[in-house]
Amino acid sequence: MIAVILGSLLNLYSLLVFIWALMSWFDHSRGFLNDAYTVLNSLVEPYVKIFRRFIPPMGGMDFSAFVALIVLQIVGQALVRFLA
């Protein structure tokens, strides 16, 4: 039961990180997108910032969100298997 809940929460957070990364490519300076991006940024930025310290932008592209997603999936899979 705990493994299912934890797995669902980690999948939801992974989805939030993915949406946050996609939204960073578009103009979100006004309206609903600005509000949504502000909320997502407050939830996701602290986690992604951990990886940004170790992974500098390459060629103007920030790969820290991609690495953060991979690590989140690996840790999530390990925890779910451990708790199952």
PDB file of N, CA and C in Angstrom:
ATOM      1  N   MET A   1       0.823  -1.191   0.000  1.00  0.00           N
ATOM      2  CA  MET A   1       0.000   0.000   0.000  1.00  0.00           C
ATOM      3  C   MET A   1       0.868   1.256   0.000  1.00  0.00           C
ATOM      4  N   ILE A   2       1.860   1.302   0.869  1.00  0.00           N
ATOM      5  CA  ILE A   2       2.759   2.459   0.932  1.00  0.00           C
ATOM      6  C   ILE A   2       3.536   2.590  -0.361  1.00  0.00           C
ATOM      7  N   ALA A   3       3.943   1.473  -0.924  1.00  0.00           N
ATOM      8  CA  ALA A   3       4.699   1.503  -2.179  1.00  0.00           C
ATOM      9  C   ALA A   3       3.861   2.085  -3.310  1.00  0.00           C
ATOM     10  N   VAL A   4       2.590   1.764  -3.355  1.00  0.00           N
ATOM     11  CA  VAL A   4       1.703   2.277  -4.407  1.00  0.00           C
ATOM     12  C   VAL A   4       1.521   3.784  -4.246  1.00  0.00           C
ATOM     13  N   ILE A   5       1.283   4.232  -3.032  1.00  0.00           N
ATOM     14  CA  ILE A   5       1.107   5.668  -2.777  1.00  0.00           C
ATOM     15  C   ILE A   5       2.387   6.426  -3.094  1.00  0.00           C
ATOM     16  N   LEU A   6       3.513   5.917  -2.635  1.00  0.00           N
ATOM     17  CA  LEU A   6       4.800   6.568  -2.892  1.00  0.00           C
ATOM     18  C   LEU A   6       5.090   6.605  -4.383  1.00  0.00           C
ATOM     19  N   GLY A   7       4.833   5.511  -5.070  1.00  0.00           N
ATOM     20  CA  GLY A   7       5.045   5.473  -6.512  1.00  0.00           C
ATOM     21  C   GLY A   7       4.176   6.479  -7.241  1.00  0.00           C
ATOM     22  N   SER A   8       2.929   6.603  -6.821  1.00  0.00           N
ATOM     23  CA  SER A   8       2.013   7.568  -7.439  1.00  0.00           C
ATOM     24  C   SER A   8       2.472   9.005  -7.192  1.00  0.00           C
ATOM     25  N   LEU A   9       2.913   9.295  -5.983  1.00  0.00           N
ATOM     26  CA  LEU A   9       3.396  10.639  -5.673  1.00  0.00           C
ATOM     27  C   LEU A   9       4.660  10.983  -6.467  1.00  0.00           C
ATOM     28  N   LEU A  10       5.546  10.023  -6.598  1.00  0.00           N
ATOM     29  CA  LEU A  10       6.769  10.271  -7.373  1.00  0.00           C
ATOM     30  C   LEU A  10       6.457  10.449  -8.850  1.00  0.00           C
ATOM     31  N   ASN A  11       5.491   9.701  -9.369  1.00  0.00           N
ATOM     32  CA  ASN A  11       5.078   9.893 -10.764  1.00  0.00           C
ATOM     33  C   ASN A  11       4.436  11.257 -10.965  1.00  0.00           C
ATOM     34  N   LEU A  12       3.631  11.688 -10.017  1.00  0.00           N
ATOM     35  CA  LEU A  12       3.012  13.008 -10.101  1.00  0.00           C
ATOM     36  C   LEU A  12       4.079  14.102 -10.079  1.00  0.00           C
ATOM     37  N   TYR A  13       5.053  13.971  -9.190  1.00  0.00           N
ATOM     38  CA  TYR A  13       6.123  14.974  -9.110  1.00  0.00           C
ATOM     39  C   TYR A  13       6.963  14.960 -10.385  1.00  0.00           C
ATOM     40  N   SER A  14       7.199  13.790 -10.950  1.00  0.00           N
ATOM     41  CA  SER A  14       7.925  13.709 -12.224  1.00  0.00           C
ATOM     42  C   SER A  14       7.164  14.439 -13.320  1.00  0.00           C
ATOM     43  N   LEU A  15       5.854  14.277 -13.334  1.00  0.00           N
ATOM     44  CA  LEU A  15       5.027  14.977 -14.314  1.00  0.00           C
ATOM     45  C   LEU A  15       5.126  16.489 -14.118  1.00  0.00           C
ATOM     46  N   LEU A  16       5.128  16.939 -12.871  1.00  0.00           N
ATOM     47  CA  LEU A  16       5.268  18.370 -12.591  1.00  0.00           C
ATOM     48  C   LEU A  16       6.611  18.906 -13.079  1.00  0.00           C
ATOM     49  N   VAL A  17       7.679  18.150 -12.864  1.00  0.00           N
ATOM     50  CA  VAL A  17       9.003  18.564 -13.338  1.00  0.00           C
ATOM     51  C   VAL A  17       9.000  18.648 -14.862  1.00  0.00           C
ATOM     52  N   PHE A  18       8.408  17.677 -15.518  1.00  0.00           N
ATOM     53  CA  PHE A  18       8.357  17.661 -16.977  1.00  0.00           C
ATOM     54  C   PHE A  18       7.563  18.855 -17.519  1.00  0.00           C
ATOM     55  N   ILE A  19       6.404  19.121 -16.938  1.00  0.00           N
ATOM     56  CA  ILE A  19       5.581  20.259 -17.372  1.00  0.00           C
ATOM     57  C   ILE A  19       6.319  21.569 -17.121  1.00  0.00           C
ATOM     58  N   TRP A  20       6.985  21.679 -15.973  1.00  0.00           N
ATOM     59  CA  TRP A  20       7.763  22.877 -15.642  1.00  0.00           C
ATOM     60  C   TRP A  20       8.856  23.115 -16.679  1.00  0.00           C
ATOM     61  N   ALA A  21       9.545  22.041 -17.066  1.00  0.00           N
ATOM     62  CA  ALA A  21      10.607  22.165 -18.062  1.00  0.00           C
ATOM     63  C   ALA A  21      10.035  22.597 -19.413  1.00  0.00           C
ATOM     64  N   LEU A  22       8.902  22.029 -19.808  1.00  0.00           N
ATOM     65  CA  LEU A  22       8.268  22.431 -21.068  1.00  0.00           C
ATOM     66  C   LEU A  22       7.810  23.881 -21.033  1.00  0.00           C
ATOM     67  N   MET A  23       7.246  24.289 -19.920  1.00  0.00           N
ATOM     68  CA  MET A  23       6.756  25.663 -19.811  1.00  0.00           C
ATOM     69  C   MET A  23       7.885  26.680 -19.875  1.00  0.00           C
ATOM     70  N   SER A  24       9.081  26.270 -19.496  1.00  0.00           N
ATOM     71  CA  SER A  24      10.205  27.210 -19.529  1.00  0.00           C
ATOM     72  C   SER A  24      10.587  27.584 -20.961  1.00  0.00           C
ATOM     73  N   TRP A  25      10.132  26.834 -21.941  1.00  0.00           N
ATOM     74  CA  TRP A  25      10.435  27.124 -23.341  1.00  0.00           C
ATOM     75  C   TRP A  25       9.511  28.171 -23.928  1.00  0.00           C
ATOM     76  N   PHE A  26       8.388  28.443 -23.275  1.00  0.00           N
ATOM     77  CA  PHE A  26       7.359  29.327 -23.828  1.00  0.00           C
ATOM     78  C   PHE A  26       7.203  30.581 -22.985  1.00  0.00           C
ATOM     79  N   ASP A  27       6.552  31.578 -23.573  1.00  0.00           N
ATOM     80  CA  ASP A  27       6.278  32.821 -22.867  1.00  0.00           C
ATOM     81  C   ASP A  27       5.187  32.583 -21.836  1.00  0.00           C
ATOM     82  N   HIS A  28       5.530  32.787 -20.589  1.00  0.00           N
ATOM     83  CA  HIS A  28       4.574  32.615 -19.502  1.00  0.00           C
ATOM     84  C   HIS A  28       4.566  33.855 -18.612  1.00  0.00           C
ATOM     85  N   SER A  29       4.749  35.013 -19.230  1.00  0.00           N
ATOM     86  CA  SER A  29       4.909  36.243 -18.458  1.00  0.00           C
ATOM     87  C   SER A  29       3.592  36.881 -18.023  1.00  0.00           C
ATOM     88  N   ARG A  30       2.466  36.373 -18.483  1.00  0.00           N
ATOM     89  CA  ARG A  30       1.197  37.000 -18.092  1.00  0.00           C
ATOM     90  C   ARG A  30       0.070  35.958 -18.065  1.00  0.00           C
ATOM     91  N   GLY A  31      -0.971  36.323 -17.349  1.00  0.00           N
ATOM     92  CA  GLY A  31      -2.179  35.511 -17.318  1.00  0.00           C
ATOM     93  C   GLY A  31      -2.053  34.225 -16.525  1.00  0.00           C
ATOM     94  N   PHE A  32      -2.873  33.275 -16.918  1.00  0.00           N
ATOM     95  CA  PHE A  32      -2.936  31.982 -16.226  1.00  0.00           C
ATOM     96  C   PHE A  32      -1.601  31.240 -16.281  1.00  0.00           C
ATOM     97  N   LEU A  33      -0.907  31.311 -17.419  1.00  0.00           N
ATOM     98  CA  LEU A  33       0.383  30.611 -17.527  1.00  0.00           C
ATOM     99  C   LEU A  33       1.389  31.136 -16.517  1.00  0.00           C
ATOM    100  N   ASN A  34       1.357  32.431 -16.263  1.00  0.00           N
ATOM    101  CA  ASN A  34       2.265  32.989 -15.270  1.00  0.00           C
ATOM    102  C   ASN A  34       1.942  32.442 -13.884  1.00  0.00           C
ATOM    103  N   ASP A  35       0.669  32.383 -13.554  1.00  0.00           N
ATOM    104  CA  ASP A  35       0.266  31.842 -12.256  1.00  0.00           C
ATOM    105  C   ASP A  35       0.638  30.364 -12.127  1.00  0.00           C
ATOM    106  N   ALA A  36       0.366  29.593 -13.176  1.00  0.00           N
ATOM    107  CA  ALA A  36       0.693  28.168 -13.157  1.00  0.00           C
ATOM    108  C   ALA A  36       2.200  27.956 -13.053  1.00  0.00           C
ATOM    109  N   TYR A  37       2.961  28.742 -13.811  1.00  0.00           N
ATOM    110  CA  TYR A  37       4.420  28.595 -13.777  1.00  0.00           C
ATOM    111  C   TYR A  37       4.970  28.999 -12.412  1.00  0.00           C
ATOM    112  N   THR A  38       4.401  30.007 -11.804  1.00  0.00           N
ATOM    113  CA  THR A  38       4.849  30.429 -10.473  1.00  0.00           C
ATOM    114  C   THR A  38       4.642  29.322  -9.452  1.00  0.00           C
ATOM    115  N   VAL A  39       3.488  28.676  -9.505  1.00  0.00           N
ATOM    116  CA  VAL A  39       3.212  27.568  -8.574  1.00  0.00           C
ATOM    117  C   VAL A  39       4.151  26.407  -8.852  1.00  0.00           C
ATOM    118  N   LEU A  40       4.282  26.025 -10.129  1.00  0.00           N
ATOM    119  CA  LEU A  40       5.186  24.925 -10.480  1.00  0.00           C
ATOM    120  C   LEU A  40       6.617  25.246 -10.096  1.00  0.00           C
ATOM    121  N   ASN A  41       7.028  26.475 -10.328  1.00  0.00           N
ATOM    122  CA  ASN A  41       8.397  26.875 -10.000  1.00  0.00           C
ATOM    123  C   ASN A  41       8.667  26.741  -8.503  1.00  0.00           C
ATOM    124  N   SER A  42       7.698  27.114  -7.679  1.00  0.00           N
ATOM    125  CA  SER A  42       7.902  27.003  -6.234  1.00  0.00           C
ATOM    126  C   SER A  42       7.973  25.544  -5.779  1.00  0.00           C
ATOM    127  N   LEU A  43       7.339  24.642  -6.526  1.00  0.00           N
ATOM    128  CA  LEU A  43       7.375  23.226  -6.175  1.00  0.00           C
ATOM    129  C   LEU A  43       8.597  22.500  -6.737  1.00  0.00           C
ATOM    130  N   VAL A  44       9.030  22.884  -7.928  1.00  0.00           N
ATOM    131  CA  VAL A  44      10.042  22.119  -8.655  1.00  0.00           C
ATOM    132  C   VAL A  44      11.446  22.706  -8.529  1.00  0.00           C
ATOM    133  N   GLU A  45      11.556  24.027  -8.528  1.00  0.00           N
ATOM    134  CA  GLU A  45      12.866  24.681  -8.546  1.00  0.00           C
ATOM    135  C   GLU A  45      13.805  24.230  -7.423  1.00  0.00           C
ATOM    136  N   PRO A  46      13.344  24.090  -6.174  1.00  0.00           N
ATOM    137  CA  PRO A  46      14.282  23.643  -5.127  1.00  0.00           C
ATOM    138  C   PRO A  46      14.928  22.283  -5.440  1.00  0.00           C
ATOM    139  N   TYR A  47      14.167  21.373  -6.027  1.00  0.00           N
ATOM    140  CA  TYR A  47      14.705  20.052  -6.377  1.00  0.00           C
ATOM    141  C   TYR A  47      15.670  20.143  -7.552  1.00  0.00           C
ATOM    142  N   VAL A  48      15.289  20.866  -8.590  1.00  0.00           N
ATOM    143  CA  VAL A  48      16.135  20.960  -9.783  1.00  0.00           C
ATOM    144  C   VAL A  48      17.403  21.754  -9.483  1.00  0.00           C
ATOM    145  N   LYS A  49      17.318  22.710  -8.559  1.00  0.00           N
ATOM    146  CA  LYS A  49      18.479  23.532  -8.217  1.00  0.00           C
ATOM    147  C   LYS A  49      19.625  22.693  -7.659  1.00  0.00           C
ATOM    148  N   ILE A  50      19.301  21.587  -7.031  1.00  0.00           N
ATOM    149  CA  ILE A  50      20.340  20.673  -6.525  1.00  0.00           C
ATOM    150  C   ILE A  50      21.216  20.199  -7.677  1.00  0.00           C
ATOM    151  N   PHE A  51      20.604  19.853  -8.790  1.00  0.00           N
ATOM    152  CA  PHE A  51      21.337  19.331  -9.944  1.00  0.00           C
ATOM    153  C   PHE A  51      21.995  20.446 -10.750  1.00  0.00           C
ATOM    154  N   ARG A  52      21.408  21.621 -10.719  1.00  0.00           N
ATOM    155  CA  ARG A  52      21.966  22.754 -11.459  1.00  0.00           C
ATOM    156  C   ARG A  52      23.335  23.150 -10.908  1.00  0.00           C
ATOM    157  N   ARG A  53      23.581  22.875  -9.626  1.00  0.00           N
ATOM    158  CA  ARG A  53      24.892  23.182  -9.043  1.00  0.00           C
ATOM    159  C   ARG A  53      25.991  22.320  -9.655  1.00  0.00           C
ATOM    160  N   PHE A  54      25.649  21.109 -10.068  1.00  0.00           N
ATOM    161  CA  PHE A  54      26.642  20.170 -10.589  1.00  0.00           C
ATOM    162  C   PHE A  54      26.672  20.097 -12.109  1.00  0.00           C
ATOM    163  N   ILE A  55      25.598  20.504 -12.758  1.00  0.00           N
ATOM    164  CA  ILE A  55      25.483  20.378 -14.213  1.00  0.00           C
ATOM    165  C   ILE A  55      25.316  21.777 -14.803  1.00  0.00           C
ATOM    166  N   PRO A  56      26.391  22.352 -15.310  1.00  0.00           N
ATOM    167  CA  PRO A  56      26.258  23.695 -15.893  1.00  0.00           C
ATOM    168  C   PRO A  56      25.534  23.626 -17.236  1.00  0.00           C
ATOM    169  N   PRO A  57      24.900  24.732 -17.640  1.00  0.00           N
ATOM    170  CA  PRO A  57      24.258  24.758 -18.962  1.00  0.00           C
ATOM    171  C   PRO A  57      25.280  24.525 -20.071  1.00  0.00           C
ATOM    172  N   MET A  58      24.912  23.740 -21.064  1.00  0.00           N
ATOM    173  CA  MET A  58      25.795  23.444 -22.195  1.00  0.00           C
ATOM    174  C   MET A  58      25.175  23.994 -23.464  1.00  0.00           C
ATOM    175  N   GLY A  59      25.846  24.891 -24.107  1.00  0.00           N
ATOM    176  CA  GLY A  59      25.341  25.459 -25.347  1.00  0.00           C
ATOM    177  C   GLY A  59      24.028  26.202 -25.157  1.00  0.00           C
ATOM    178  N   GLY A  60      23.837  26.819 -24.006  1.00  0.00           N
ATOM    179  CA  GLY A  60      22.611  27.544 -23.732  1.00  0.00           C
ATOM    180  C   GLY A  60      21.452  26.667 -23.293  1.00  0.00           C
ATOM    181  N   MET A  61      21.670  25.369 -23.201  1.00  0.00           N
ATOM    182  CA  MET A  61      20.611  24.434 -22.787  1.00  0.00           C
ATOM    183  C   MET A  61      20.876  23.977 -21.349  1.00  0.00           C
ATOM    184  N   ASP A  62      19.832  23.973 -20.543  1.00  0.00           N
ATOM    185  CA  ASP A  62      19.923  23.533 -19.162  1.00  0.00           C
ATOM    186  C   ASP A  62      19.388  22.102 -19.068  1.00  0.00           C
ATOM    187  N   PHE A  63      20.287  21.169 -18.815  1.00  0.00           N
ATOM    188  CA  PHE A  63      19.917  19.756 -18.750  1.00  0.00           C
ATOM    189  C   PHE A  63      19.642  19.286 -17.321  1.00  0.00           C
ATOM    190  N   SER A  64      19.654  20.196 -16.372  1.00  0.00           N
ATOM    191  CA  SER A  64      19.477  19.795 -14.975  1.00  0.00           C
ATOM    192  C   SER A  64      18.090  19.190 -14.720  1.00  0.00           C
ATOM    193  N   ALA A  65      17.055  19.685 -15.385  1.00  0.00           N
ATOM    194  CA  ALA A  65      15.716  19.103 -15.190  1.00  0.00           C
ATOM    195  C   ALA A  65      15.662  17.682 -15.729  1.00  0.00           C
ATOM    196  N   PHE A  66      16.331  17.445 -16.845  1.00  0.00           N
ATOM    197  CA  PHE A  66      16.376  16.097 -17.420  1.00  0.00           C
ATOM    198  C   PHE A  66      17.068  15.126 -16.457  1.00  0.00           C
ATOM    199  N   VAL A  67      18.198  15.533 -15.920  1.00  0.00           N
ATOM    200  CA  VAL A  67      18.924  14.681 -14.969  1.00  0.00           C
ATOM    201  C   VAL A  67      18.105  14.507 -13.689  1.00  0.00           C
ATOM    202  N   ALA A  68      17.429  15.563 -13.252  1.00  0.00           N
ATOM    203  CA  ALA A  68      16.586  15.470 -12.060  1.00  0.00           C
ATOM    204  C   ALA A  68      15.470  14.454 -12.260  1.00  0.00           C
ATOM    205  N   LEU A  69      14.892  14.428 -13.460  1.00  0.00           N
ATOM    206  CA  LEU A  69      13.852  13.433 -13.758  1.00  0.00           C
ATOM    207  C   LEU A  69      14.402  12.013 -13.729  1.00  0.00           C
ATOM    208  N   ILE A  70      15.557  11.819 -14.313  1.00  0.00           N
ATOM    209  CA  ILE A  70      16.168  10.483 -14.322  1.00  0.00           C
ATOM    210  C   ILE A  70      16.445  10.007 -12.902  1.00  0.00           C
ATOM    211  N   VAL A  71      17.029  10.879 -12.091  1.00  0.00           N
ATOM    212  CA  VAL A  71      17.340  10.508 -10.702  1.00  0.00           C
ATOM    213  C   VAL A  71      16.055  10.232  -9.934  1.00  0.00           C
ATOM    214  N   LEU A  72      15.043  11.048 -10.142  1.00  0.00           N
ATOM    215  CA  LEU A  72      13.771  10.838  -9.462  1.00  0.00           C
ATOM    216  C   LEU A  72      13.176   9.480  -9.823  1.00  0.00           C
ATOM    217  N   GLN A  73      13.249   9.105 -11.083  1.00  0.00           N
ATOM    218  CA  GLN A  73      12.720   7.809 -11.517  1.00  0.00           C
ATOM    219  C   GLN A  73      13.522   6.648 -10.934  1.00  0.00           C
ATOM    220  N   ILE A  74      14.836   6.774 -10.926  1.00  0.00           N
ATOM    221  CA  ILE A  74      15.688   5.704 -10.380  1.00  0.00           C
ATOM    222  C   ILE A  74      15.439   5.520  -8.887  1.00  0.00           C
ATOM    223  N   VAL A  75      15.426   6.618  -8.155  1.00  0.00           N
ATOM    224  CA  VAL A  75      15.185   6.537  -6.710  1.00  0.00           C
ATOM    225  C   VAL A  75      13.772   6.030  -6.432  1.00  0.00           C
ATOM    226  N   GLY A  76      12.818   6.504  -7.208  1.00  0.00           N
ATOM    227  CA  GLY A  76      11.449   6.044  -7.036  1.00  0.00           C
ATOM    228  C   GLY A  76      11.303   4.554  -7.266  1.00  0.00           C
ATOM    229  N   GLN A  77      11.910   4.054  -8.333  1.00  0.00           N
ATOM    230  CA  GLN A  77      11.852   2.615  -8.619  1.00  0.00           C
ATOM    231  C   GLN A  77      12.515   1.817  -7.499  1.00  0.00           C
ATOM    232  N   ALA A  78      13.650   2.298  -7.010  1.00  0.00           N
ATOM    233  CA  ALA A  78      14.356   1.595  -5.935  1.00  0.00           C
ATOM    234  C   ALA A  78      13.515   1.567  -4.657  1.00  0.00           C
ATOM    235  N   LEU A  79      12.896   2.686  -4.315  1.00  0.00           N
ATOM    236  CA  LEU A  79      12.074   2.729  -3.103  1.00  0.00           C
ATOM    237  C   LEU A  79      10.844   1.848  -3.216  1.00  0.00           C
ATOM    238  N   VAL A  80      10.201   1.876  -4.370  1.00  0.00           N
ATOM    239  CA  VAL A  80       9.016   1.053  -4.556  1.00  0.00           C
ATOM    240  C   VAL A  80       9.373  -0.439  -4.480  1.00  0.00           C
ATOM    241  N   ARG A  81      10.477  -0.811  -5.094  1.00  0.00           N
ATOM    242  CA  ARG A  81      10.898  -2.225  -5.019  1.00  0.00           C
ATOM    243  C   ARG A  81      11.283  -2.623  -3.618  1.00  0.00           C
ATOM    244  N   PHE A  82      11.920  -1.696  -2.893  1.00  0.00           N
ATOM    245  CA  PHE A  82      12.326  -1.984  -1.533  1.00  0.00           C
ATOM    246  C   PHE A  82      11.114  -2.137  -0.612  1.00  0.00           C
ATOM    247  N   LEU A  83      10.088  -1.307  -0.827  1.00  0.00           N
ATOM    248  CA  LEU A  83       8.906  -1.347   0.035  1.00  0.00           C
ATOM    249  C   LEU A  83       7.903  -2.423  -0.364  1.00  0.00           C
ATOM    250  N   ALA A  84       7.999  -2.921  -1.575  1.00  0.00           N
ATOM    251  CA  ALA A  84       7.026  -3.915  -2.049  1.00  0.00           C
ATOM    252  C   ALA A  84       7.279  -5.284  -1.467  1.00  0.00           C
TER     253      ALA A  84
END
